[in-house]
Amino acid sequence: GQLVESGGGLVQPGGSLRLSCAASGFTFSFSNYVMRWYRQAPGKERELVASITNGGTNYADDVKGRFTISRDNAKNTVYLQMNSLKPEDTAVYYCNAVLFRESSWGQGTQVTVSS
């Protein structure tokens, strides 16, 4: 399958952004896939930010209460609403879809939080 992220950009501290990840060409129905957002800051390892299944959502501790992951299965799209952004949220954000042994990654979208 293919994942295409969008919505990144430059934002001031305290601001908001909404990332989107559009999926296509998957073997099974999009609704079956576990969808995750990761991020990778310069010089750091890629880390899991949030995940969503049909059973619920999970978040990394440092984004709880600020970020919200959601999905629209009719549009084959997953979103990441990011509020109260901090400079340490600066990273390339990647979308990931997993089901059984199938795993796909997007190309990433840059988020920069700076005044």
C-alpha atoms as a PDB file:
ATOM      1  CA  GLY A   1       0.000   0.000   0.000  1.00  0.00           C
ATOM      2  CA  GLN A   2       0.864   3.650  -0.297  1.00  0.00           C
ATOM      3  CA  LEU A   3       0.683   6.342   2.373  1.00  0.00           C
ATOM      4  CA  VAL A   4       0.935  10.050   1.667  1.00  0.00           C
ATOM      5  CA  GLU A   5       1.302  12.513   4.548  1.00  0.00           C
ATOM      6  CA  SER A   6       0.466  16.186   4.392  1.00  0.00           C
ATOM      7  CA  GLY A   7      -0.129  19.137   6.690  1.00  0.00           C
ATOM      8  CA  GLY A   8       3.323  19.757   8.096  1.00  0.00           C
ATOM      9  CA  GLY A   9       4.916  23.172   8.275  1.00  0.00           C
ATOM     10  CA  LEU A  10       6.339  25.916  10.467  1.00  0.00           C
ATOM     11  CA  VAL A  11       4.333  26.938  13.515  1.00  0.00           C
ATOM     12  CA  GLN A  12       5.029  29.049  16.578  1.00  0.00           C
ATOM     13  CA  PRO A  13       5.158  27.506  20.050  1.00  0.00           C
ATOM     14  CA  GLY A  14       1.651  27.068  21.373  1.00  0.00           C
ATOM     15  CA  GLY A  15       0.226  26.725  17.891  1.00  0.00           C
ATOM     16  CA  SER A  16      -1.603  23.876  16.186  1.00  0.00           C
ATOM     17  CA  LEU A  17      -1.266  21.723  13.096  1.00  0.00           C
ATOM     18  CA  ARG A  18      -3.283  18.860  11.691  1.00  0.00           C
ATOM     19  CA  LEU A  19      -1.453  16.152   9.804  1.00  0.00           C
ATOM     20  CA  SER A  20      -3.223  13.881   7.343  1.00  0.00           C
ATOM     21  CA  CYS A  21      -2.219  10.506   5.963  1.00  0.00           C
ATOM     22  CA  ALA A  22      -4.069   9.189   2.927  1.00  0.00           C
ATOM     23  CA  ALA A  23      -3.890   5.459   2.216  1.00  0.00           C
ATOM     24  CA  SER A  24      -4.331   3.654  -1.071  1.00  0.00           C
ATOM     25  CA  GLY A  25      -3.628   0.298  -2.673  1.00  0.00           C
ATOM     26  CA  PHE A  26      -3.911  -1.804   0.457  1.00  0.00           C
ATOM     27  CA  THR A  27      -4.579  -5.538   0.392  1.00  0.00           C
ATOM     28  CA  PHE A  28      -7.372  -5.426   2.945  1.00  0.00           C
ATOM     29  CA  SER A  29      -9.957  -2.848   3.988  1.00  0.00           C
ATOM     30  CA  PHE A  30      -8.332   0.243   5.469  1.00  0.00           C
ATOM     31  CA  SER A  31     -10.469  -0.096   8.584  1.00  0.00           C
ATOM     32  CA  ASN A  32      -8.612  -3.281   9.530  1.00  0.00           C
ATOM     33  CA  TYR A  33      -5.202  -1.645   9.703  1.00  0.00           C
ATOM     34  CA  VAL A  34      -3.511  -0.423  12.837  1.00  0.00           C
ATOM     35  CA  MET A  35      -2.485   3.123  12.016  1.00  0.00           C
ATOM     36  CA  ARG A  36       0.395   4.849  13.769  1.00  0.00           C
ATOM     37  CA  TRP A  37       2.163   8.187  13.709  1.00  0.00           C
ATOM     38  CA  TYR A  38       5.891   8.231  14.407  1.00  0.00           C
ATOM     39  CA  ARG A  39       8.348  11.082  14.481  1.00  0.00           C
ATOM     40  CA  GLN A  40      12.074  11.438  14.123  1.00  0.00           C
ATOM     41  CA  ALA A  41      13.989  14.475  15.290  1.00  0.00           C
ATOM     42  CA  PRO A  42      17.509  15.244  14.019  1.00  0.00           C
ATOM     43  CA  GLY A  43      20.048  12.962  15.672  1.00  0.00           C
ATOM     44  CA  LYS A  44      17.380  10.901  17.402  1.00  0.00           C
ATOM     45  CA  GLU A  45      15.712   7.575  16.796  1.00  0.00           C
ATOM     46  CA  ARG A  46      12.245   7.309  15.349  1.00  0.00           C
ATOM     47  CA  GLU A  47       9.657   7.201  18.117  1.00  0.00           C
ATOM     48  CA  LEU A  48       6.009   6.216  18.299  1.00  0.00           C
ATOM     49  CA  VAL A  49       3.708   9.172  18.881  1.00  0.00           C
ATOM     50  CA  ALA A  50       0.205   7.735  18.629  1.00  0.00           C
ATOM     51  CA  SER A  51      -1.700   4.727  17.365  1.00  0.00           C
ATOM     52  CA  ILE A  52      -5.309   3.924  16.561  1.00  0.00           C
ATOM     53  CA  THR A  53      -7.274   0.752  16.008  1.00  0.00           C
ATOM     54  CA  ASN A  54     -10.989   0.146  15.917  1.00  0.00           C
ATOM     55  CA  GLY A  55     -10.647  -0.550  19.619  1.00  0.00           C
ATOM     56  CA  GLY A  56      -9.105   2.689  20.703  1.00  0.00           C
ATOM     57  CA  THR A  57      -6.109   4.989  20.784  1.00  0.00           C
ATOM     58  CA  ASN A  58      -2.749   5.184  22.521  1.00  0.00           C
ATOM     59  CA  TYR A  59      -0.315   8.050  22.957  1.00  0.00           C
ATOM     60  CA  ALA A  60       3.244   8.646  23.995  1.00  0.00           C
ATOM     61  CA  ASP A  61       3.407  10.252  27.421  1.00  0.00           C
ATOM     62  CA  ASP A  62       4.821  13.541  26.176  1.00  0.00           C
ATOM     63  CA  VAL A  63       1.954  14.167  23.753  1.00  0.00           C
ATOM     64  CA  LYS A  64      -0.974  13.022  25.896  1.00  0.00           C
ATOM     65  CA  GLY A  65      -3.539  15.772  26.247  1.00  0.00           C
ATOM     66  CA  ARG A  66      -2.045  17.737  23.339  1.00  0.00           C
ATOM     67  CA  PHE A  67      -2.270  15.404  20.342  1.00  0.00           C
ATOM     68  CA  THR A  68      -5.317  13.518  19.050  1.00  0.00           C
ATOM     69  CA  ILE A  69      -5.216  10.712  16.513  1.00  0.00           C
ATOM     70  CA  SER A  70      -8.345   9.910  14.525  1.00  0.00           C
ATOM     71  CA  ARG A  71      -9.336   8.108  11.369  1.00  0.00           C
ATOM     72  CA  ASP A  72     -11.973   8.362   8.661  1.00  0.00           C
ATOM     73  CA  ASN A  73     -12.325   4.874   7.221  1.00  0.00           C
ATOM     74  CA  ALA A  74     -14.627   6.103   4.465  1.00  0.00           C
ATOM     75  CA  LYS A  75     -11.804   8.370   3.242  1.00  0.00           C
ATOM     76  CA  ASN A  76      -8.976   5.913   3.998  1.00  0.00           C
ATOM     77  CA  THR A  77      -7.323   8.666   5.993  1.00  0.00           C
ATOM     78  CA  VAL A  78      -5.799   9.022   9.445  1.00  0.00           C
ATOM     79  CA  TYR A  79      -5.202  12.359  11.132  1.00  0.00           C
ATOM     80  CA  LEU A  80      -3.018  13.745  13.882  1.00  0.00           C
ATOM     81  CA  GLN A  81      -4.312  16.929  15.483  1.00  0.00           C
ATOM     82  CA  MET A  82      -1.453  18.603  17.327  1.00  0.00           C
ATOM     83  CA  ASN A  83      -2.191  21.402  19.781  1.00  0.00           C
ATOM     84  CA  SER A  84      -0.029  23.356  22.219  1.00  0.00           C
ATOM     85  CA  LEU A  85       3.005  22.573  20.118  1.00  0.00           C
ATOM     86  CA  LYS A  86       6.448  22.848  21.670  1.00  0.00           C
ATOM     87  CA  PRO A  87       9.894  23.276  20.072  1.00  0.00           C
ATOM     88  CA  GLU A  88      10.694  19.711  21.115  1.00  0.00           C
ATOM     89  CA  ASP A  89       7.871  18.486  18.856  1.00  0.00           C
ATOM     90  CA  THR A  90      10.011  19.497  15.876  1.00  0.00           C
ATOM     91  CA  ALA A  91      10.590  16.390  13.763  1.00  0.00           C
ATOM     92  CA  VAL A  92       9.692  14.598  10.586  1.00  0.00           C
ATOM     93  CA  TYR A  93       6.367  12.860  11.184  1.00  0.00           C
ATOM     94  CA  TYR A  94       5.691   9.530   9.511  1.00  0.00           C
ATOM     95  CA  CYS A  95       2.511   7.561   9.024  1.00  0.00           C
ATOM     96  CA  ASN A  96       2.577   3.757   9.339  1.00  0.00           C
ATOM     97  CA  ALA A  97      -0.031   1.106   8.545  1.00  0.00           C
ATOM     98  CA  VAL A  98       0.209  -2.454   9.845  1.00  0.00           C
ATOM     99  CA  LEU A  99      -1.890  -5.579   9.413  1.00  0.00           C
ATOM    100  CA  PHE A 100      -0.456  -9.057   9.866  1.00  0.00           C
ATOM    101  CA  ARG A 101       2.878  -9.002   8.004  1.00  0.00           C
ATOM    102  CA  GLU A 102       1.972  -6.042   5.836  1.00  0.00           C
ATOM    103  CA  SER A 103       3.576  -2.759   6.875  1.00  0.00           C
ATOM    104  CA  SER A 104       3.707   0.470   4.905  1.00  0.00           C
ATOM    105  CA  TRP A 105       5.329   3.840   5.568  1.00  0.00           C
ATOM    106  CA  GLY A 106       4.755   7.289   4.196  1.00  0.00           C
ATOM    107  CA  GLN A 107       7.518   9.618   3.049  1.00  0.00           C
ATOM    108  CA  GLY A 108       7.184  11.881   6.085  1.00  0.00           C
ATOM    109  CA  THR A 109       6.178  15.488   6.610  1.00  0.00           C
ATOM    110  CA  GLN A 110       8.307  18.078   8.390  1.00  0.00           C
ATOM    111  CA  VAL A 111       6.929  19.838  11.460  1.00  0.00           C
ATOM    112  CA  THR A 112       8.967  22.741  12.805  1.00  0.00           C
ATOM    113  CA  VAL A 113       7.964  24.549  15.981  1.00  0.00           C
ATOM    114  CA  SER A 114       9.875  27.773  16.354  1.00  0.00           C
ATOM    115  CA  SER A 115       9.374  31.447  17.073  1.00  0.00           C
END
